[in-house]
């Protein structure tokens, strides 16, 4: 009888240990997801884009709202003007249709706050995870911004229509306009080569290259491009393959 009790107790302890081990493994194997990040050219909202059906929804020019097709509504994002390193915290609005070339649609207020050059609106969109250190500070700042949003005037700025025609602007491009399209990163060069072959076969893009970033990263990219027209055309050609997160990278 004593032997049976000891056997049952031993089995119970063993099962508990296995369960604890599995639970620990599950926790380790499911780390916090990496935040979404994308570098590219945003579109500064204007009613003319809505009227011409380039954008499917409106954005209030005083709001701190953006349209971003990869992120859910009410997601908090940090938007950085890469050319001057100015940033602002905003939220993602409802789903909207806008040009594939643009990584987001920004309100006029956001564009003004980060000093965005309408001829070279190069920005980074970074998802702010809820456990990020600066979320608490963000909450306070965002509430303060909401209080003054309806009172603060927004001075009008000229917006270049990248999708209809080119217009003259007082703003100058950065000293050197040189960008490449980052299509995907891979661990192995052979895998990157397979993608290059697919792109050449299925798109109009023929000048696709592989760059070795380090021992464990091989980047498939196109470019460099010295003007926004050729950059946009190639980006749109590649987009038909529906890769998840194509980025535009500025060359130093």
C-alpha atoms as a PDB file:
ATOM      1  CA  UNK A   1       0.000   0.000   0.000  1.00  0.00           C
ATOM      2  CA  UNK A   2       2.806   2.344   0.926  1.00  0.00           C
ATOM      3  CA  UNK A   3       4.570   1.460  -2.304  1.00  0.00           C
ATOM      4  CA  UNK A   4       1.487   2.414  -4.370  1.00  0.00           C
ATOM      5  CA  UNK A   5       1.185   5.766  -2.582  1.00  0.00           C
ATOM      6  CA  UNK A   6       4.844   6.532  -3.201  1.00  0.00           C
ATOM      7  CA  UNK A   7       4.450   5.579  -6.862  1.00  0.00           C
ATOM      8  CA  UNK A   8       1.404   7.850  -7.283  1.00  0.00           C
ATOM      9  CA  UNK A   9       3.200  10.711  -5.530  1.00  0.00           C
ATOM     10  CA  UNK A  10       6.262  10.272  -7.741  1.00  0.00           C
ATOM     11  CA  UNK A  11       4.108  10.333 -10.896  1.00  0.00           C
ATOM     12  CA  UNK A  12       2.311  13.454  -9.672  1.00  0.00           C
ATOM     13  CA  UNK A  13       5.598  15.293  -9.043  1.00  0.00           C
ATOM     14  CA  UNK A  14       6.946  14.193 -12.438  1.00  0.00           C
ATOM     15  CA  UNK A  15       3.835  15.434 -14.266  1.00  0.00           C
ATOM     16  CA  UNK A  16       4.000  18.768 -12.457  1.00  0.00           C
ATOM     17  CA  UNK A  17       7.638  19.186 -13.399  1.00  0.00           C
ATOM     18  CA  UNK A  18       6.848  18.405 -17.043  1.00  0.00           C
ATOM     19  CA  UNK A  19       4.003  20.905 -17.049  1.00  0.00           C
ATOM     20  CA  UNK A  20       6.207  23.566 -15.488  1.00  0.00           C
ATOM     21  CA  UNK A  21       8.941  22.841 -18.021  1.00  0.00           C
ATOM     22  CA  UNK A  22       6.506  23.099 -20.939  1.00  0.00           C
ATOM     23  CA  UNK A  23       5.082  26.333 -19.587  1.00  0.00           C
ATOM     24  CA  UNK A  24       8.555  27.783 -19.260  1.00  0.00           C
ATOM     25  CA  UNK A  25       9.400  26.684 -22.774  1.00  0.00           C
ATOM     26  CA  UNK A  26       6.208  28.273 -24.116  1.00  0.00           C
ATOM     27  CA  UNK A  27       7.050  31.545 -22.462  1.00  0.00           C
ATOM     28  CA  UNK A  28      10.548  31.499 -23.869  1.00  0.00           C
ATOM     29  CA  UNK A  29       9.408  30.484 -27.348  1.00  0.00           C
ATOM     30  CA  UNK A  30       6.823  33.265 -27.517  1.00  0.00           C
ATOM     31  CA  UNK A  31       8.765  36.480 -26.916  1.00  0.00           C
ATOM     32  CA  UNK A  32       7.175  39.887 -27.384  1.00  0.00           C
ATOM     33  CA  UNK A  33       6.651  40.595 -31.078  1.00  0.00           C
ATOM     34  CA  UNK A  34       8.957  43.108 -32.700  1.00  0.00           C
ATOM     35  CA  UNK A  35       7.289  46.459 -33.404  1.00  0.00           C
ATOM     36  CA  UNK A  36       6.344  47.325 -36.960  1.00  0.00           C
ATOM     37  CA  UNK A  37       8.781  49.741 -38.556  1.00  0.00           C
ATOM     38  CA  UNK A  38       8.884  51.186 -42.055  1.00  0.00           C
ATOM     39  CA  UNK A  39      10.930  53.867 -43.768  1.00  0.00           C
ATOM     40  CA  UNK A  40       9.481  55.500 -46.831  1.00  0.00           C
ATOM     41  CA  UNK A  41       7.769  58.489 -48.397  1.00  0.00           C
ATOM     42  CA  UNK A  42       4.557  59.604 -46.728  1.00  0.00           C
ATOM     43  CA  UNK A  43       1.772  61.605 -48.316  1.00  0.00           C
ATOM     44  CA  UNK A  44       0.703  64.853 -46.653  1.00  0.00           C
ATOM     45  CA  UNK A  45      -3.086  64.959 -46.633  1.00  0.00           C
ATOM     46  CA  UNK A  46      -4.886  67.497 -48.781  1.00  0.00           C
ATOM     47  CA  UNK A  47      -8.566  67.702 -49.709  1.00  0.00           C
ATOM     48  CA  UNK A  48      -7.568  67.616 -53.374  1.00  0.00           C
ATOM     49  CA  UNK A  49      -6.305  64.054 -52.881  1.00  0.00           C
ATOM     50  CA  UNK A  50      -9.694  63.078 -51.472  1.00  0.00           C
ATOM     51  CA  UNK A  51     -11.585  64.928 -54.204  1.00  0.00           C
ATOM     52  CA  UNK A  52      -9.493  63.183 -56.880  1.00  0.00           C
ATOM     53  CA  UNK A  53     -10.088  59.795 -55.183  1.00  0.00           C
ATOM     54  CA  UNK A  54      -6.369  59.289 -54.492  1.00  0.00           C
ATOM     55  CA  UNK A  55      -7.237  58.906 -50.788  1.00  0.00           C
ATOM     56  CA  UNK A  56     -10.509  57.278 -49.778  1.00  0.00           C
ATOM     57  CA  UNK A  57     -11.042  59.144 -46.475  1.00  0.00           C
ATOM     58  CA  UNK A  58     -10.461  62.577 -44.994  1.00  0.00           C
ATOM     59  CA  UNK A  59      -8.112  63.637 -42.193  1.00  0.00           C
ATOM     60  CA  UNK A  60      -8.672  66.801 -40.164  1.00  0.00           C
ATOM     61  CA  UNK A  61      -5.647  69.036 -40.742  1.00  0.00           C
ATOM     62  CA  UNK A  62      -5.364  69.725 -36.979  1.00  0.00           C
ATOM     63  CA  UNK A  63      -5.457  66.099 -35.905  1.00  0.00           C
ATOM     64  CA  UNK A  64      -2.641  63.815 -34.797  1.00  0.00           C
ATOM     65  CA  UNK A  65      -3.948  60.957 -36.907  1.00  0.00           C
ATOM     66  CA  UNK A  66      -2.385  59.022 -39.763  1.00  0.00           C
ATOM     67  CA  UNK A  67      -3.525  56.373 -42.223  1.00  0.00           C
ATOM     68  CA  UNK A  68      -1.282  53.278 -42.270  1.00  0.00           C
ATOM     69  CA  UNK A  69      -2.379  50.093 -44.034  1.00  0.00           C
ATOM     70  CA  UNK A  70      -0.240  47.664 -41.991  1.00  0.00           C
ATOM     71  CA  UNK A  71      -1.422  48.761 -38.545  1.00  0.00           C
ATOM     72  CA  UNK A  72      -4.747  48.497 -36.748  1.00  0.00           C
ATOM     73  CA  UNK A  73      -6.902  51.477 -35.845  1.00  0.00           C
ATOM     74  CA  UNK A  74      -5.825  53.288 -32.633  1.00  0.00           C
ATOM     75  CA  UNK A  75      -2.291  51.884 -32.777  1.00  0.00           C
ATOM     76  CA  UNK A  76       0.155  54.382 -31.292  1.00  0.00           C
ATOM     77  CA  UNK A  77       3.029  55.295 -33.580  1.00  0.00           C
ATOM     78  CA  UNK A  78       6.136  57.427 -33.482  1.00  0.00           C
ATOM     79  CA  UNK A  79       6.671  59.363 -36.712  1.00  0.00           C
ATOM     80  CA  UNK A  80      10.182  60.637 -37.385  1.00  0.00           C
ATOM     81  CA  UNK A  81      11.335  62.965 -40.117  1.00  0.00           C
ATOM     82  CA  UNK A  82      14.544  61.120 -40.986  1.00  0.00           C
ATOM     83  CA  UNK A  83      16.094  64.170 -42.665  1.00  0.00           C
ATOM     84  CA  UNK A  84      16.038  66.304 -39.494  1.00  0.00           C
ATOM     85  CA  UNK A  85      15.340  63.702 -36.759  1.00  0.00           C
ATOM     86  CA  UNK A  86      12.218  65.508 -35.483  1.00  0.00           C
ATOM     87  CA  UNK A  87       9.450  63.203 -34.281  1.00  0.00           C
ATOM     88  CA  UNK A  88       5.897  63.205 -32.969  1.00  0.00           C
ATOM     89  CA  UNK A  89       3.544  60.660 -31.414  1.00  0.00           C
ATOM     90  CA  UNK A  90       0.288  59.994 -33.256  1.00  0.00           C
ATOM     91  CA  UNK A  91      -2.415  57.348 -33.655  1.00  0.00           C
ATOM     92  CA  UNK A  92      -3.550  55.291 -36.610  1.00  0.00           C
ATOM     93  CA  UNK A  93      -6.997  56.148 -37.935  1.00  0.00           C
ATOM     94  CA  UNK A  94      -9.517  53.927 -39.671  1.00  0.00           C
ATOM     95  CA  UNK A  95      -8.645  51.904 -42.755  1.00  0.00           C
ATOM     96  CA  UNK A  96      -8.189  53.962 -45.885  1.00  0.00           C
ATOM     97  CA  UNK A  97      -7.069  53.449 -49.450  1.00  0.00           C
ATOM     98  CA  UNK A  98      -4.065  55.491 -50.604  1.00  0.00           C
ATOM     99  CA  UNK A  99      -1.191  55.053 -53.106  1.00  0.00           C
ATOM    100  CA  UNK A 100       1.001  51.966 -52.679  1.00  0.00           C
ATOM    101  CA  UNK A 101       4.129  54.094 -52.931  1.00  0.00           C
ATOM    102  CA  UNK A 102       3.360  55.972 -49.718  1.00  0.00           C
ATOM    103  CA  UNK A 103       4.015  54.315 -46.357  1.00  0.00           C
ATOM    104  CA  UNK A 104       1.412  56.505 -44.622  1.00  0.00           C
ATOM    105  CA  UNK A 105      -0.839  59.523 -44.982  1.00  0.00           C
ATOM    106  CA  UNK A 106      -0.086  62.285 -42.469  1.00  0.00           C
ATOM    107  CA  UNK A 107      -2.223  65.181 -41.332  1.00  0.00           C
ATOM    108  CA  UNK A 108      -1.009  68.678 -42.143  1.00  0.00           C
ATOM    109  CA  UNK A 109      -0.404  69.290 -38.444  1.00  0.00           C
ATOM    110  CA  UNK A 110       1.931  66.312 -38.138  1.00  0.00           C
ATOM    111  CA  UNK A 111       3.845  67.319 -41.262  1.00  0.00           C
ATOM    112  CA  UNK A 112       4.337  70.824 -39.874  1.00  0.00           C
ATOM    113  CA  UNK A 113       5.404  69.641 -36.406  1.00  0.00           C
ATOM    114  CA  UNK A 114       8.215  67.497 -37.799  1.00  0.00           C
ATOM    115  CA  UNK A 115       9.241  70.033 -40.444  1.00  0.00           C
ATOM    116  CA  UNK A 116       8.527  67.680 -43.320  1.00  0.00           C
ATOM    117  CA  UNK A 117       9.845  68.672 -46.740  1.00  0.00           C
ATOM    118  CA  UNK A 118       6.904  68.220 -49.101  1.00  0.00           C
ATOM    119  CA  UNK A 119       9.282  67.415 -51.970  1.00  0.00           C
ATOM    120  CA  UNK A 120      11.095  64.724 -49.971  1.00  0.00           C
ATOM    121  CA  UNK A 121       8.698  63.540 -47.241  1.00  0.00           C
ATOM    122  CA  UNK A 122      10.954  60.759 -45.983  1.00  0.00           C
ATOM    123  CA  UNK A 123       9.738  59.397 -42.643  1.00  0.00           C
ATOM    124  CA  UNK A 124      10.009  56.416 -40.336  1.00  0.00           C
ATOM    125  CA  UNK A 125       6.805  54.909 -38.949  1.00  0.00           C
ATOM    126  CA  UNK A 126       7.476  53.032 -35.689  1.00  0.00           C
ATOM    127  CA  UNK A 127       4.802  51.126 -33.781  1.00  0.00           C
ATOM    128  CA  UNK A 128       4.880  51.971 -30.074  1.00  0.00           C
ATOM    129  CA  UNK A 129       4.379  48.784 -28.087  1.00  0.00           C
ATOM    130  CA  UNK A 130       2.326  49.172 -24.938  1.00  0.00           C
ATOM    131  CA  UNK A 131       5.200  48.203 -22.644  1.00  0.00           C
ATOM    132  CA  UNK A 132       7.603  50.729 -24.174  1.00  0.00           C
ATOM    133  CA  UNK A 133       9.372  52.881 -21.621  1.00  0.00           C
ATOM    134  CA  UNK A 134       8.166  56.193 -22.984  1.00  0.00           C
ATOM    135  CA  UNK A 135       4.461  55.288 -23.268  1.00  0.00           C
ATOM    136  CA  UNK A 136       3.701  57.010 -19.960  1.00  0.00           C
ATOM    137  CA  UNK A 137       5.344  60.204 -21.160  1.00  0.00           C
ATOM    138  CA  UNK A 138       3.578  59.813 -24.477  1.00  0.00           C
ATOM    139  CA  UNK A 139       0.178  59.651 -22.796  1.00  0.00           C
ATOM    140  CA  UNK A 140       0.725  62.973 -21.078  1.00  0.00           C
ATOM    141  CA  UNK A 141       2.113  64.621 -24.192  1.00  0.00           C
ATOM    142  CA  UNK A 142      -0.668  63.266 -26.373  1.00  0.00           C
ATOM    143  CA  UNK A 143      -3.361  64.559 -24.032  1.00  0.00           C
ATOM    144  CA  UNK A 144      -1.747  67.999 -24.023  1.00  0.00           C
ATOM    145  CA  UNK A 145      -1.611  67.943 -27.812  1.00  0.00           C
ATOM    146  CA  UNK A 146      -5.313  67.050 -28.014  1.00  0.00           C
ATOM    147  CA  UNK A 147      -6.221  70.018 -25.805  1.00  0.00           C
ATOM    148  CA  UNK A 148      -4.542  72.543 -28.072  1.00  0.00           C
ATOM    149  CA  UNK A 149      -5.230  70.785 -31.384  1.00  0.00           C
ATOM    150  CA  UNK A 150      -8.477  72.603 -32.056  1.00  0.00           C
ATOM    151  CA  UNK A 151      -7.063  75.983 -31.042  1.00  0.00           C
ATOM    152  CA  UNK A 152      -3.628  75.996 -32.637  1.00  0.00           C
ATOM    153  CA  UNK A 153      -3.573  77.451 -36.140  1.00  0.00           C
ATOM    154  CA  UNK A 154      -2.019  75.475 -38.960  1.00  0.00           C
ATOM    155  CA  UNK A 155      -0.213  77.640 -41.482  1.00  0.00           C
ATOM    156  CA  UNK A 156      -0.775  76.523 -45.024  1.00  0.00           C
ATOM    157  CA  UNK A 157       2.110  74.889 -46.859  1.00  0.00           C
ATOM    158  CA  UNK A 158       2.424  73.939 -50.498  1.00  0.00           C
ATOM    159  CA  UNK A 159       2.070  70.229 -51.175  1.00  0.00           C
ATOM    160  CA  UNK A 160       3.675  68.522 -54.147  1.00  0.00           C
ATOM    161  CA  UNK A 161       1.288  66.080 -55.796  1.00  0.00           C
ATOM    162  CA  UNK A 162       3.483  63.033 -56.427  1.00  0.00           C
ATOM    163  CA  UNK A 163       0.608  61.183 -58.063  1.00  0.00           C
ATOM    164  CA  UNK A 164      -0.803  63.716 -60.529  1.00  0.00           C
ATOM    165  CA  UNK A 165       1.902  66.082 -61.731  1.00  0.00           C
ATOM    166  CA  UNK A 166       5.099  67.711 -60.570  1.00  0.00           C
ATOM    167  CA  UNK A 167       4.895  71.262 -59.230  1.00  0.00           C
ATOM    168  CA  UNK A 168       7.493  73.858 -58.361  1.00  0.00           C
ATOM    169  CA  UNK A 169       8.213  74.418 -54.687  1.00  0.00           C
ATOM    170  CA  UNK A 170      10.428  76.641 -52.574  1.00  0.00           C
ATOM    171  CA  UNK A 171      11.622  73.650 -50.618  1.00  0.00           C
ATOM    172  CA  UNK A 172      14.816  72.097 -51.926  1.00  0.00           C
ATOM    173  CA  UNK A 173      15.664  68.427 -51.925  1.00  0.00           C
ATOM    174  CA  UNK A 174      18.331  67.126 -49.605  1.00  0.00           C
ATOM    175  CA  UNK A 175      21.880  67.652 -50.798  1.00  0.00           C
ATOM    176  CA  UNK A 176      22.000  64.213 -52.401  1.00  0.00           C
ATOM    177  CA  UNK A 177      18.820  62.442 -53.511  1.00  0.00           C
ATOM    178  CA  UNK A 178      19.816  58.778 -53.533  1.00  0.00           C
ATOM    179  CA  UNK A 179      17.533  55.969 -52.380  1.00  0.00           C
ATOM    180  CA  UNK A 180      17.230  52.225 -52.777  1.00  0.00           C
ATOM    181  CA  UNK A 181      14.242  49.940 -52.355  1.00  0.00           C
ATOM    182  CA  UNK A 182      14.737  47.328 -49.648  1.00  0.00           C
ATOM    183  CA  UNK A 183      12.632  44.372 -50.731  1.00  0.00           C
ATOM    184  CA  UNK A 184      13.571  41.733 -48.157  1.00  0.00           C
ATOM    185  CA  UNK A 185      16.372  40.435 -45.909  1.00  0.00           C
ATOM    186  CA  UNK A 186      17.393  36.775 -45.734  1.00  0.00           C
ATOM    187  CA  UNK A 187      19.732  34.569 -43.689  1.00  0.00           C
ATOM    188  CA  UNK A 188      21.123  32.827 -46.762  1.00  0.00           C
ATOM    189  CA  UNK A 189      22.436  34.113 -50.061  1.00  0.00           C
ATOM    190  CA  UNK A 190      20.817  31.209 -51.956  1.00  0.00           C
ATOM    191  CA  UNK A 191      17.373  32.205 -50.689  1.00  0.00           C
ATOM    192  CA  UNK A 192      17.987  35.819 -51.680  1.00  0.00           C
ATOM    193  CA  UNK A 193      19.018  34.633 -55.171  1.00  0.00           C
ATOM    194  CA  UNK A 194      15.710  32.772 -55.561  1.00  0.00           C
ATOM    195  CA  UNK A 195      13.811  35.984 -54.843  1.00  0.00           C
ATOM    196  CA  UNK A 196      15.931  37.953 -57.304  1.00  0.00           C
ATOM    197  CA  UNK A 197      15.077  35.425 -60.016  1.00  0.00           C
ATOM    198  CA  UNK A 198      11.390  35.654 -59.184  1.00  0.00           C
ATOM    199  CA  UNK A 199      11.388  39.454 -59.326  1.00  0.00           C
ATOM    200  CA  UNK A 200      13.167  39.476 -62.700  1.00  0.00           C
ATOM    201  CA  UNK A 201      10.745  36.887 -64.046  1.00  0.00           C
ATOM    202  CA  UNK A 202       7.474  38.341 -62.715  1.00  0.00           C
ATOM    203  CA  UNK A 203       8.022  42.125 -62.806  1.00  0.00           C
ATOM    204  CA  UNK A 204       9.446  44.813 -65.055  1.00  0.00           C
ATOM    205  CA  UNK A 205      12.345  45.294 -62.628  1.00  0.00           C
ATOM    206  CA  UNK A 206      15.509  43.741 -64.041  1.00  0.00           C
ATOM    207  CA  UNK A 207      18.208  45.514 -62.046  1.00  0.00           C
ATOM    208  CA  UNK A 208      17.812  43.737 -58.708  1.00  0.00           C
ATOM    209  CA  UNK A 209      20.844  43.163 -56.501  1.00  0.00           C
ATOM    210  CA  UNK A 210      21.950  41.346 -53.361  1.00  0.00           C
ATOM    211  CA  UNK A 211      23.926  43.132 -50.663  1.00  0.00           C
ATOM    212  CA  UNK A 212      25.690  41.305 -47.830  1.00  0.00           C
ATOM    213  CA  UNK A 213      24.842  43.237 -44.652  1.00  0.00           C
ATOM    214  CA  UNK A 214      26.630  40.832 -42.314  1.00  0.00           C
ATOM    215  CA  UNK A 215      27.307  37.097 -41.936  1.00  0.00           C
ATOM    216  CA  UNK A 216      23.623  36.366 -41.309  1.00  0.00           C
ATOM    217  CA  UNK A 217      21.846  38.956 -43.439  1.00  0.00           C
ATOM    218  CA  UNK A 218      21.597  39.235 -47.218  1.00  0.00           C
ATOM    219  CA  UNK A 219      19.467  42.075 -48.576  1.00  0.00           C
ATOM    220  CA  UNK A 220      17.574  42.008 -51.864  1.00  0.00           C
ATOM    221  CA  UNK A 221      17.217  45.549 -53.149  1.00  0.00           C
ATOM    222  CA  UNK A 222      16.747  47.725 -56.219  1.00  0.00           C
ATOM    223  CA  UNK A 223      18.477  50.996 -56.949  1.00  0.00           C
ATOM    224  CA  UNK A 224      19.967  53.402 -56.272  1.00  0.00           C
ATOM    225  CA  UNK A 225      17.510  55.967 -57.638  1.00  0.00           C
ATOM    226  CA  UNK A 226      18.456  59.600 -58.153  1.00  0.00           C
ATOM    227  CA  UNK A 227      14.951  61.001 -58.645  1.00  0.00           C
ATOM    228  CA  UNK A 228      11.559  60.386 -57.146  1.00  0.00           C
ATOM    229  CA  UNK A 229       9.843  59.521 -60.429  1.00  0.00           C
ATOM    230  CA  UNK A 230      12.021  56.476 -61.158  1.00  0.00           C
ATOM    231  CA  UNK A 231      11.888  55.474 -57.481  1.00  0.00           C
ATOM    232  CA  UNK A 232       8.102  55.559 -57.434  1.00  0.00           C
ATOM    233  CA  UNK A 233       7.783  53.643 -60.732  1.00  0.00           C
ATOM    234  CA  UNK A 234      10.071  50.831 -59.571  1.00  0.00           C
ATOM    235  CA  UNK A 235       8.363  50.683 -56.179  1.00  0.00           C
ATOM    236  CA  UNK A 236       4.958  50.293 -57.827  1.00  0.00           C
ATOM    237  CA  UNK A 237       6.315  47.603 -60.173  1.00  0.00           C
ATOM    238  CA  UNK A 238       7.641  45.582 -57.232  1.00  0.00           C
ATOM    239  CA  UNK A 239       4.457  46.076 -55.199  1.00  0.00           C
ATOM    240  CA  UNK A 240       2.483  43.766 -57.490  1.00  0.00           C
ATOM    241  CA  UNK A 241       4.230  40.855 -55.743  1.00  0.00           C
ATOM    242  CA  UNK A 242       2.575  42.004 -52.478  1.00  0.00           C
ATOM    243  CA  UNK A 243       5.574  41.726 -50.192  1.00  0.00           C
ATOM    244  CA  UNK A 244       4.615  42.520 -46.617  1.00  0.00           C
ATOM    245  CA  UNK A 245       6.924  45.410 -45.754  1.00  0.00           C
ATOM    246  CA  UNK A 246       8.885  47.010 -48.593  1.00  0.00           C
ATOM    247  CA  UNK A 247      11.014  49.932 -47.387  1.00  0.00           C
ATOM    248  CA  UNK A 248      12.794  52.863 -48.978  1.00  0.00           C
ATOM    249  CA  UNK A 249      16.300  53.396 -47.623  1.00  0.00           C
ATOM    250  CA  UNK A 250      18.269  56.612 -48.064  1.00  0.00           C
ATOM    251  CA  UNK A 251      21.902  56.191 -49.115  1.00  0.00           C
ATOM    252  CA  UNK A 252      24.465  58.195 -47.153  1.00  0.00           C
END
